[in-house]
Amino acid sequence: MEYVIFSDPRFDRKVTAWDVVCSGLFDSVGLYVEPTSVQTAAVLQWVDRLGLQQLVIAPSCDTALASLAPFSSSPHFFDLSHGQQKLVLLCRAMVKEPRLLLLDEPTHGLSGRNRMKFLSLLQRLAHTSDVAIILVTHREDEIETLGFPNVLRLRKEGHSISSSAAL
């Protein structure tokens, strides 16, 4: 929500999806320092890994991608759909290669298509990166879709643990 408020055009800010992702390098809301070439390469690698090339476009790539992407430059974050914003924020979270990703109801409010895309990206991250993912959800279908080996279910009468590996 902080980024939605921060990127509101009524505050005369032009916050692009690129700015949002890059700000993850600095743990800031807003991009106040230009990323180095090494940092830019890392951001581009995560954008590519998550398949967000059409949403998160580096300023130096604008001309080259103009004919391939629906946007001629990185779109303003505020103008993206709720689902697109969540995908951009996931990329923002990953640019510093965290050891732990804690998500609380991340698919809340997403359309079916964006929900499945988000879950697919989480599943890919769980299998291809070194990040440990803790996902809080009320949706049993999301647990099944992700196929995480360790699940802790909290119930009124207590909790139950299902796991294919020891916790």
N, C-alpha and C. Protein backbone atom coordinates (compact mmCIF):
# COMPACT_ATOMS: atom_id res chain seq x y z
N MET A 1 0.82 -1.20 0.00
CA MET A 1 0.00 0.00 0.00
C MET A 1 0.87 1.27 0.00
N GLU A 2 2.04 1.17 0.64
CA GLU A 2 2.91 2.35 0.67
C GLU A 2 3.26 2.82 -0.74
N TYR A 3 3.55 1.87 -1.63
CA TYR A 3 3.94 2.26 -2.98
C TYR A 3 2.76 2.79 -3.78
N VAL A 4 1.57 2.30 -3.54
CA VAL A 4 0.40 2.83 -4.24
C VAL A 4 0.20 4.28 -3.85
N ILE A 5 0.32 4.57 -2.57
CA ILE A 5 0.18 5.96 -2.10
C ILE A 5 1.33 6.81 -2.63
N PHE A 6 2.56 6.31 -2.49
CA PHE A 6 3.73 7.06 -2.92
C PHE A 6 3.70 7.37 -4.41
N SER A 7 3.19 6.43 -5.20
CA SER A 7 3.21 6.61 -6.65
C SER A 7 1.99 7.35 -7.20
N ASP A 8 1.09 7.76 -6.34
CA ASP A 8 -0.11 8.46 -6.78
C ASP A 8 0.29 9.73 -7.54
N PRO A 9 -0.18 9.88 -8.78
CA PRO A 9 0.23 11.03 -9.60
C PRO A 9 -0.22 12.38 -9.03
N ARG A 10 -1.17 12.37 -8.12
CA ARG A 10 -1.60 13.64 -7.51
C ARG A 10 -0.48 14.28 -6.71
N PHE A 11 0.56 13.50 -6.37
CA PHE A 11 1.71 14.04 -5.64
C PHE A 11 2.83 14.45 -6.59
N ASP A 12 2.51 14.54 -7.88
CA ASP A 12 3.47 14.96 -8.91
C ASP A 12 4.72 14.09 -8.95
N ARG A 13 4.52 12.79 -8.74
CA ARG A 13 5.63 11.85 -8.87
C ARG A 13 5.37 10.97 -10.07
N LYS A 14 6.41 10.65 -10.78
CA LYS A 14 6.34 9.73 -11.92
C LYS A 14 7.14 8.49 -11.54
N VAL A 15 6.53 7.61 -10.78
CA VAL A 15 7.19 6.43 -10.27
C VAL A 15 6.95 5.28 -11.24
N THR A 16 8.01 4.80 -11.87
CA THR A 16 7.87 3.72 -12.84
C THR A 16 8.04 2.36 -12.16
N ALA A 17 7.61 1.32 -12.85
CA ALA A 17 7.81 -0.03 -12.35
C ALA A 17 9.31 -0.29 -12.17
N TRP A 18 10.12 0.24 -13.07
CA TRP A 18 11.58 0.11 -12.97
C TRP A 18 12.07 0.72 -11.65
N ASP A 19 11.59 1.92 -11.32
CA ASP A 19 11.98 2.58 -10.07
C ASP A 19 11.61 1.74 -8.85
N VAL A 20 10.42 1.14 -8.89
CA VAL A 20 9.96 0.34 -7.76
C VAL A 20 10.87 -0.86 -7.56
N VAL A 21 11.18 -1.58 -8.63
CA VAL A 21 12.04 -2.76 -8.51
C VAL A 21 13.43 -2.35 -8.03
N CYS A 22 13.99 -1.31 -8.61
CA CYS A 22 15.34 -0.87 -8.22
C CYS A 22 15.38 -0.40 -6.77
N SER A 23 14.30 0.16 -6.26
CA SER A 23 14.30 0.63 -4.87
C SER A 23 14.46 -0.52 -3.89
N GLY A 24 14.18 -1.74 -4.32
CA GLY A 24 14.41 -2.90 -3.48
C GLY A 24 15.88 -3.10 -3.14
N LEU A 25 16.76 -2.60 -3.99
CA LEU A 25 18.20 -2.69 -3.72
C LEU A 25 18.59 -1.86 -2.50
N PHE A 26 17.79 -0.82 -2.24
CA PHE A 26 18.14 0.15 -1.20
C PHE A 26 17.15 0.14 -0.03
N ASP A 27 16.18 -0.78 -0.09
CA ASP A 27 15.16 -0.87 0.96
C ASP A 27 14.45 0.46 1.20
N SER A 28 14.13 1.14 0.12
CA SER A 28 13.47 2.44 0.24
C SER A 28 12.16 2.45 -0.54
N VAL A 29 11.28 3.32 -0.13
CA VAL A 29 10.08 3.59 -0.93
C VAL A 29 10.43 4.83 -1.73
N GLY A 30 10.70 4.64 -2.99
CA GLY A 30 11.23 5.69 -3.85
C GLY A 30 12.67 5.36 -4.20
N LEU A 31 13.07 5.78 -5.38
CA LEU A 31 14.44 5.53 -5.83
C LEU A 31 15.20 6.84 -5.77
N TYR A 32 16.16 6.92 -4.85
CA TYR A 32 16.89 8.15 -4.60
C TYR A 32 18.34 8.08 -5.05
N VAL A 33 18.79 6.87 -5.41
CA VAL A 33 20.16 6.65 -5.86
C VAL A 33 20.08 5.83 -7.15
N GLU A 34 20.81 6.24 -8.16
CA GLU A 34 20.84 5.46 -9.40
C GLU A 34 21.61 4.17 -9.16
N PRO A 35 21.06 3.05 -9.59
CA PRO A 35 21.78 1.79 -9.42
C PRO A 35 23.05 1.76 -10.26
N THR A 36 24.05 1.08 -9.75
CA THR A 36 25.29 0.90 -10.51
C THR A 36 25.03 -0.05 -11.67
N SER A 37 26.00 -0.20 -12.53
CA SER A 37 25.84 -1.13 -13.66
C SER A 37 25.69 -2.57 -13.17
N VAL A 38 26.38 -2.92 -12.09
CA VAL A 38 26.26 -4.27 -11.53
C VAL A 38 24.86 -4.47 -10.96
N GLN A 39 24.36 -3.47 -10.24
CA GLN A 39 23.01 -3.56 -9.68
C GLN A 39 21.96 -3.61 -10.79
N THR A 40 22.15 -2.81 -11.83
CA THR A 40 21.22 -2.82 -12.96
C THR A 40 21.19 -4.19 -13.61
N ALA A 41 22.35 -4.80 -13.75
CA ALA A 41 22.41 -6.15 -14.33
C ALA A 41 21.65 -7.15 -13.45
N ALA A 42 21.78 -7.01 -12.13
CA ALA A 42 21.07 -7.91 -11.21
C ALA A 42 19.56 -7.71 -11.33
N VAL A 43 19.13 -6.47 -11.43
CA VAL A 43 17.70 -6.18 -11.58
C VAL A 43 17.19 -6.78 -12.89
N LEU A 44 17.91 -6.56 -13.97
CA LEU A 44 17.50 -7.10 -15.26
C LEU A 44 17.44 -8.63 -15.23
N GLN A 45 18.35 -9.24 -14.50
CA GLN A 45 18.34 -10.70 -14.37
C GLN A 45 17.06 -11.16 -13.67
N TRP A 46 16.65 -10.47 -12.60
CA TRP A 46 15.43 -10.86 -11.90
C TRP A 46 14.19 -10.57 -12.74
N VAL A 47 14.20 -9.46 -13.45
CA VAL A 47 13.07 -9.15 -14.34
C VAL A 47 12.91 -10.26 -15.37
N ASP A 48 14.03 -10.70 -15.92
CA ASP A 48 14.02 -11.77 -16.90
C ASP A 48 13.58 -13.09 -16.26
N ARG A 49 14.13 -13.41 -15.11
CA ARG A 49 13.80 -14.66 -14.42
C ARG A 49 12.32 -14.77 -14.10
N LEU A 50 11.70 -13.64 -13.76
CA LEU A 50 10.28 -13.64 -13.41
C LEU A 50 9.39 -13.35 -14.61
N GLY A 51 10.00 -13.14 -15.77
CA GLY A 51 9.22 -12.92 -16.98
C GLY A 51 8.45 -11.62 -16.99
N LEU A 52 9.03 -10.57 -16.43
CA LEU A 52 8.34 -9.28 -16.32
C LEU A 52 8.92 -8.23 -17.27
N GLN A 53 9.53 -8.68 -18.37
CA GLN A 53 10.18 -7.76 -19.30
C GLN A 53 9.22 -6.73 -19.89
N GLN A 54 7.95 -7.08 -19.99
CA GLN A 54 6.99 -6.13 -20.56
C GLN A 54 6.49 -5.10 -19.55
N LEU A 55 6.71 -5.38 -18.26
CA LEU A 55 6.27 -4.45 -17.22
C LEU A 55 7.39 -3.60 -16.64
N VAL A 56 8.57 -4.18 -16.54
CA VAL A 56 9.70 -3.51 -15.90
C VAL A 56 10.78 -3.31 -16.95
N ILE A 57 10.86 -2.09 -17.44
CA ILE A 57 11.77 -1.80 -18.55
C ILE A 57 12.81 -0.77 -18.10
N ALA A 58 14.07 -1.13 -18.22
CA ALA A 58 15.15 -0.22 -17.84
C ALA A 58 15.15 0.98 -18.77
N PRO A 59 15.44 2.16 -18.25
CA PRO A 59 15.48 3.35 -19.11
C PRO A 59 16.38 3.18 -20.32
N SER A 60 17.51 2.48 -20.16
CA SER A 60 18.43 2.30 -21.29
C SER A 60 17.90 1.30 -22.31
N CYS A 61 16.87 0.53 -21.94
CA CYS A 61 16.31 -0.48 -22.84
C CYS A 61 15.08 0.01 -23.59
N ASP A 62 14.62 1.21 -23.26
CA ASP A 62 13.36 1.70 -23.83
C ASP A 62 13.31 1.60 -25.34
N THR A 63 14.32 2.07 -26.03
CA THR A 63 14.30 2.09 -27.48
C THR A 63 14.32 0.69 -28.07
N ALA A 64 15.15 -0.16 -27.51
CA ALA A 64 15.28 -1.52 -28.04
C ALA A 64 14.01 -2.33 -27.87
N LEU A 65 13.27 -2.10 -26.79
CA LEU A 65 12.09 -2.91 -26.51
C LEU A 65 10.79 -2.28 -26.99
N ALA A 66 10.84 -1.09 -27.50
CA ALA A 66 9.62 -0.37 -27.85
C ALA A 66 8.72 -1.16 -28.79
N SER A 67 9.30 -1.91 -29.71
CA SER A 67 8.47 -2.65 -30.66
C SER A 67 8.00 -4.00 -30.09
N LEU A 68 8.65 -4.48 -29.02
CA LEU A 68 8.31 -5.79 -28.46
C LEU A 68 7.33 -5.72 -27.30
N ALA A 69 7.33 -4.63 -26.57
CA ALA A 69 6.52 -4.52 -25.35
C ALA A 69 5.31 -3.62 -25.59
N PRO A 70 4.26 -3.83 -24.80
CA PRO A 70 3.09 -2.97 -24.94
C PRO A 70 3.38 -1.55 -24.46
N PHE A 71 4.45 -1.37 -23.71
CA PHE A 71 4.83 -0.04 -23.22
C PHE A 71 6.12 0.37 -23.90
N SER A 72 6.24 1.64 -24.28
CA SER A 72 7.48 2.10 -24.91
C SER A 72 8.53 2.43 -23.85
N SER A 73 8.11 2.55 -22.61
CA SER A 73 9.03 2.72 -21.49
C SER A 73 8.38 2.05 -20.29
N SER A 74 9.11 1.95 -19.21
CA SER A 74 8.56 1.30 -18.03
C SER A 74 7.31 2.07 -17.60
N PRO A 75 6.19 1.37 -17.46
CA PRO A 75 4.95 2.06 -17.10
C PRO A 75 4.99 2.62 -15.69
N HIS A 76 4.14 3.59 -15.44
CA HIS A 76 4.03 4.12 -14.08
C HIS A 76 3.38 3.06 -13.20
N PHE A 77 3.94 2.86 -12.03
CA PHE A 77 3.46 1.85 -11.11
C PHE A 77 1.99 2.05 -10.79
N PHE A 78 1.58 3.27 -10.60
CA PHE A 78 0.20 3.58 -10.22
C PHE A 78 -0.79 3.13 -11.29
N ASP A 79 -0.36 3.13 -12.54
CA ASP A 79 -1.25 2.78 -13.66
C ASP A 79 -1.38 1.28 -13.90
N LEU A 80 -0.57 0.48 -13.23
CA LEU A 80 -0.65 -0.97 -13.40
C LEU A 80 -1.86 -1.53 -12.67
N SER A 81 -2.33 -2.68 -13.13
CA SER A 81 -3.41 -3.35 -12.41
C SER A 81 -2.87 -3.82 -11.06
N HIS A 82 -3.78 -4.15 -10.17
CA HIS A 82 -3.40 -4.63 -8.84
C HIS A 82 -2.50 -5.87 -8.96
N GLY A 83 -2.85 -6.77 -9.85
CA GLY A 83 -2.06 -7.98 -10.07
C GLY A 83 -0.68 -7.67 -10.60
N GLN A 84 -0.59 -6.76 -11.56
CA GLN A 84 0.71 -6.37 -12.10
C GLN A 84 1.57 -5.71 -11.02
N GLN A 85 0.94 -4.90 -10.17
CA GLN A 85 1.69 -4.26 -9.08
C GLN A 85 2.29 -5.31 -8.15
N LYS A 86 1.52 -6.36 -7.84
CA LYS A 86 2.04 -7.41 -6.94
C LYS A 86 3.20 -8.16 -7.59
N LEU A 87 3.13 -8.38 -8.89
CA LEU A 87 4.24 -9.04 -9.59
C LEU A 87 5.50 -8.17 -9.54
N VAL A 88 5.33 -6.88 -9.75
CA VAL A 88 6.46 -5.95 -9.68
C VAL A 88 7.04 -5.93 -8.27
N LEU A 89 6.17 -5.95 -7.25
CA LEU A 89 6.65 -5.94 -5.87
C LEU A 89 7.36 -7.24 -5.50
N LEU A 90 6.94 -8.35 -6.08
CA LEU A 90 7.65 -9.61 -5.87
C LEU A 90 9.07 -9.50 -6.44
N CYS A 91 9.19 -8.94 -7.61
CA CYS A 91 10.50 -8.74 -8.23
C CYS A 91 11.34 -7.81 -7.35
N ARG A 92 10.73 -6.76 -6.81
CA ARG A 92 11.41 -5.83 -5.91
C ARG A 92 11.97 -6.56 -4.70
N ALA A 93 11.18 -7.48 -4.17
CA ALA A 93 11.61 -8.24 -2.99
C ALA A 93 12.79 -9.14 -3.30
N MET A 94 12.89 -9.62 -4.53
CA MET A 94 13.91 -10.62 -4.87
C MET A 94 15.24 -10.02 -5.33
N VAL A 95 15.29 -8.74 -5.67
CA VAL A 95 16.53 -8.19 -6.25
C VAL A 95 17.72 -8.25 -5.30
N LYS A 96 17.48 -8.31 -4.00
CA LYS A 96 18.58 -8.41 -3.05
C LYS A 96 18.85 -9.85 -2.65
N GLU A 97 18.22 -10.80 -3.35
CA GLU A 97 18.41 -12.22 -3.09
C GLU A 97 18.25 -12.54 -1.59
N PRO A 98 17.05 -12.30 -1.06
CA PRO A 98 16.84 -12.54 0.37
C PRO A 98 16.91 -14.03 0.69
N ARG A 99 17.22 -14.34 1.92
CA ARG A 99 17.24 -15.73 2.36
C ARG A 99 15.84 -16.18 2.76
N LEU A 100 14.97 -15.22 3.12
CA LEU A 100 13.62 -15.53 3.55
C LEU A 100 12.65 -14.56 2.90
N LEU A 101 11.57 -15.10 2.37
CA LEU A 101 10.49 -14.31 1.79
C LEU A 101 9.24 -14.65 2.57
N LEU A 102 8.69 -13.68 3.27
CA LEU A 102 7.51 -13.87 4.09
C LEU A 102 6.35 -13.15 3.42
N LEU A 103 5.33 -13.91 3.04
CA LEU A 103 4.20 -13.36 2.31
C LEU A 103 2.90 -13.63 3.07
N ASP A 104 2.14 -12.59 3.31
CA ASP A 104 0.87 -12.70 4.02
C ASP A 104 -0.26 -12.43 3.05
N GLU A 105 -0.97 -13.48 2.67
CA GLU A 105 -2.10 -13.38 1.74
C GLU A 105 -1.73 -12.61 0.46
N PRO A 106 -0.65 -12.99 -0.22
CA PRO A 106 -0.19 -12.20 -1.36
C PRO A 106 -1.13 -12.21 -2.57
N THR A 107 -2.04 -13.18 -2.65
CA THR A 107 -2.92 -13.24 -3.82
C THR A 107 -4.28 -12.60 -3.55
N HIS A 108 -4.45 -12.03 -2.37
CA HIS A 108 -5.72 -11.39 -2.04
C HIS A 108 -6.03 -10.28 -3.06
N GLY A 109 -7.20 -10.32 -3.61
CA GLY A 109 -7.64 -9.29 -4.54
C GLY A 109 -7.16 -9.47 -5.97
N LEU A 110 -6.46 -10.55 -6.27
CA LEU A 110 -5.96 -10.75 -7.63
C LEU A 110 -7.01 -11.45 -8.49
N SER A 111 -7.00 -11.15 -9.77
CA SER A 111 -7.83 -11.88 -10.72
C SER A 111 -7.31 -13.31 -10.79
N GLY A 112 -8.13 -14.21 -11.32
CA GLY A 112 -7.72 -15.61 -11.43
C GLY A 112 -6.43 -15.78 -12.22
N ARG A 113 -6.31 -15.04 -13.30
CA ARG A 113 -5.11 -15.14 -14.15
C ARG A 113 -3.85 -14.66 -13.42
N ASN A 114 -3.95 -13.48 -12.79
CA ASN A 114 -2.78 -12.96 -12.08
C ASN A 114 -2.47 -13.78 -10.83
N ARG A 115 -3.50 -14.34 -10.21
CA ARG A 115 -3.29 -15.21 -9.05
C ARG A 115 -2.48 -16.44 -9.46
N MET A 116 -2.86 -17.06 -10.57
CA MET A 116 -2.14 -18.24 -11.03
C MET A 116 -0.71 -17.89 -11.46
N LYS A 117 -0.53 -16.73 -12.07
CA LYS A 117 0.81 -16.31 -12.47
C LYS A 117 1.67 -16.07 -11.24
N PHE A 118 1.10 -15.43 -10.23
CA PHE A 118 1.84 -15.17 -8.99
C PHE A 118 2.24 -16.48 -8.32
N LEU A 119 1.29 -17.41 -8.21
CA LEU A 119 1.58 -18.71 -7.59
C LEU A 119 2.61 -19.49 -8.39
N SER A 120 2.53 -19.40 -9.70
CA SER A 120 3.50 -20.08 -10.55
C SER A 120 4.91 -19.52 -10.32
N LEU A 121 5.01 -18.20 -10.19
CA LEU A 121 6.31 -17.59 -9.91
C LEU A 121 6.84 -18.03 -8.54
N LEU A 122 5.96 -18.10 -7.54
CA LEU A 122 6.38 -18.55 -6.22
C LEU A 122 6.89 -19.98 -6.26
N GLN A 123 6.17 -20.80 -7.00
CA GLN A 123 6.57 -22.20 -7.13
C GLN A 123 7.95 -22.30 -7.79
N ARG A 124 8.15 -21.50 -8.84
CA ARG A 124 9.45 -21.50 -9.52
C ARG A 124 10.56 -21.01 -8.59
N LEU A 125 10.27 -19.95 -7.81
CA LEU A 125 11.26 -19.44 -6.87
C LEU A 125 11.63 -20.49 -5.83
N ALA A 126 10.62 -21.22 -5.35
CA ALA A 126 10.86 -22.24 -4.34
C ALA A 126 11.78 -23.34 -4.85
N HIS A 127 11.72 -23.61 -6.14
CA HIS A 127 12.52 -24.70 -6.71
C HIS A 127 13.83 -24.26 -7.36
N THR A 128 13.97 -22.97 -7.65
CA THR A 128 15.16 -22.54 -8.40
C THR A 128 16.01 -21.51 -7.68
N SER A 129 15.63 -21.10 -6.48
CA SER A 129 16.45 -20.11 -5.76
C SER A 129 16.71 -20.61 -4.35
N ASP A 130 17.55 -19.90 -3.66
CA ASP A 130 17.91 -20.29 -2.30
C ASP A 130 17.02 -19.61 -1.25
N VAL A 131 15.93 -19.04 -1.67
CA VAL A 131 15.05 -18.34 -0.74
C VAL A 131 14.09 -19.32 -0.06
N ALA A 132 13.95 -19.17 1.24
CA ALA A 132 12.94 -19.93 1.99
C ALA A 132 11.66 -19.09 1.96
N ILE A 133 10.55 -19.72 1.65
CA ILE A 133 9.29 -18.98 1.51
C ILE A 133 8.33 -19.40 2.61
N ILE A 134 7.83 -18.42 3.33
CA ILE A 134 6.74 -18.63 4.27
C ILE A 134 5.53 -17.91 3.70
N LEU A 135 4.49 -18.67 3.46
CA LEU A 135 3.28 -18.13 2.85
C LEU A 135 2.12 -18.32 3.80
N VAL A 136 1.46 -17.25 4.16
CA VAL A 136 0.26 -17.31 4.98
C VAL A 136 -0.93 -17.19 4.04
N THR A 137 -1.83 -18.17 4.11
CA THR A 137 -3.01 -18.15 3.25
C THR A 137 -4.15 -18.89 3.95
N HIS A 138 -5.35 -18.52 3.57
CA HIS A 138 -6.54 -19.23 4.03
C HIS A 138 -7.05 -20.18 2.95
N ARG A 139 -6.39 -20.17 1.82
CA ARG A 139 -6.87 -20.93 0.67
C ARG A 139 -6.16 -22.26 0.53
N GLU A 140 -6.90 -23.32 0.75
CA GLU A 140 -6.37 -24.68 0.63
C GLU A 140 -5.89 -24.96 -0.79
N ASP A 141 -6.59 -24.41 -1.79
CA ASP A 141 -6.20 -24.65 -3.18
C ASP A 141 -4.83 -24.06 -3.50
N GLU A 142 -4.46 -22.96 -2.83
CA GLU A 142 -3.13 -22.40 -3.05
C GLU A 142 -2.05 -23.32 -2.48
N ILE A 143 -2.33 -23.91 -1.33
CA ILE A 143 -1.38 -24.84 -0.72
C ILE A 143 -1.16 -26.03 -1.66
N GLU A 144 -2.25 -26.53 -2.21
CA GLU A 144 -2.15 -27.67 -3.13
C GLU A 144 -1.41 -27.28 -4.41
N THR A 145 -1.73 -26.10 -4.95
CA THR A 145 -1.09 -25.63 -6.18
C THR A 145 0.42 -25.50 -6.00
N LEU A 146 0.84 -24.93 -4.88
CA LEU A 146 2.27 -24.71 -4.65
C LEU A 146 3.01 -26.00 -4.37
N GLY A 147 2.36 -26.94 -3.72
CA GLY A 147 3.01 -28.22 -3.45
C GLY A 147 4.21 -28.11 -2.54
N PHE A 148 4.22 -27.13 -1.64
CA PHE A 148 5.33 -27.00 -0.70
C PHE A 148 5.38 -28.24 0.19
N PRO A 149 6.58 -28.72 0.49
CA PRO A 149 6.70 -29.96 1.26
C PRO A 149 6.30 -29.82 2.73
N ASN A 150 6.41 -28.63 3.29
CA ASN A 150 6.10 -28.42 4.70
C ASN A 150 4.93 -27.45 4.84
N VAL A 151 3.89 -27.92 5.54
CA VAL A 151 2.69 -27.10 5.71
C VAL A 151 2.30 -27.15 7.18
N LEU A 152 2.05 -26.01 7.76
CA LEU A 152 1.54 -25.91 9.12
C LEU A 152 0.13 -25.35 9.02
N ARG A 153 -0.84 -26.14 9.47
CA ARG A 153 -2.24 -25.71 9.44
C ARG A 153 -2.67 -25.39 10.86
N LEU A 154 -3.16 -24.18 11.05
CA LEU A 154 -3.67 -23.78 12.36
C LEU A 154 -5.18 -23.95 12.37
N ARG A 155 -5.69 -24.54 13.41
CA ARG A 155 -7.11 -24.76 13.56
C ARG A 155 -7.52 -24.27 14.94
N LYS A 156 -8.82 -24.07 15.14
CA LYS A 156 -9.31 -23.60 16.43
C LYS A 156 -8.89 -24.52 17.57
N GLU A 157 -8.96 -25.82 17.33
CA GLU A 157 -8.65 -26.78 18.38
C GLU A 157 -7.15 -27.04 18.53
N GLY A 158 -6.34 -26.41 17.75
CA GLY A 158 -4.89 -26.62 17.81
C GLY A 158 -4.28 -26.50 16.44
N HIS A 159 -3.25 -27.22 16.21
CA HIS A 159 -2.59 -27.17 14.90
C HIS A 159 -2.23 -28.58 14.47
N SER A 160 -2.02 -28.69 13.20
CA SER A 160 -1.55 -29.96 12.67
C SER A 160 -0.43 -29.67 11.70
N ILE A 161 0.49 -30.58 11.60
CA ILE A 161 1.63 -30.42 10.70
C ILE A 161 1.57 -31.56 9.69
N SER A 162 1.63 -31.18 8.43
CA SER A 162 1.79 -32.22 7.41
C SER A 162 3.09 -31.91 6.69
N SER A 163 3.87 -32.94 6.50
CA SER A 163 5.19 -32.71 5.92
C SER A 163 5.70 -33.99 5.29
N SER A 164 6.39 -33.79 4.18
CA SER A 164 7.09 -34.93 3.60
C SER A 164 8.55 -34.93 4.06
N ALA A 165 8.92 -33.87 4.75
CA ALA A 165 10.26 -33.77 5.33
C ALA A 165 10.11 -33.33 6.77
N ALA A 166 11.08 -33.62 7.57
CA ALA A 166 11.04 -33.24 8.98
C ALA A 166 11.12 -31.72 9.11
N LEU A 167 10.36 -31.18 10.02
CA LEU A 167 10.41 -29.73 10.26
C LEU A 167 11.51 -29.39 11.22
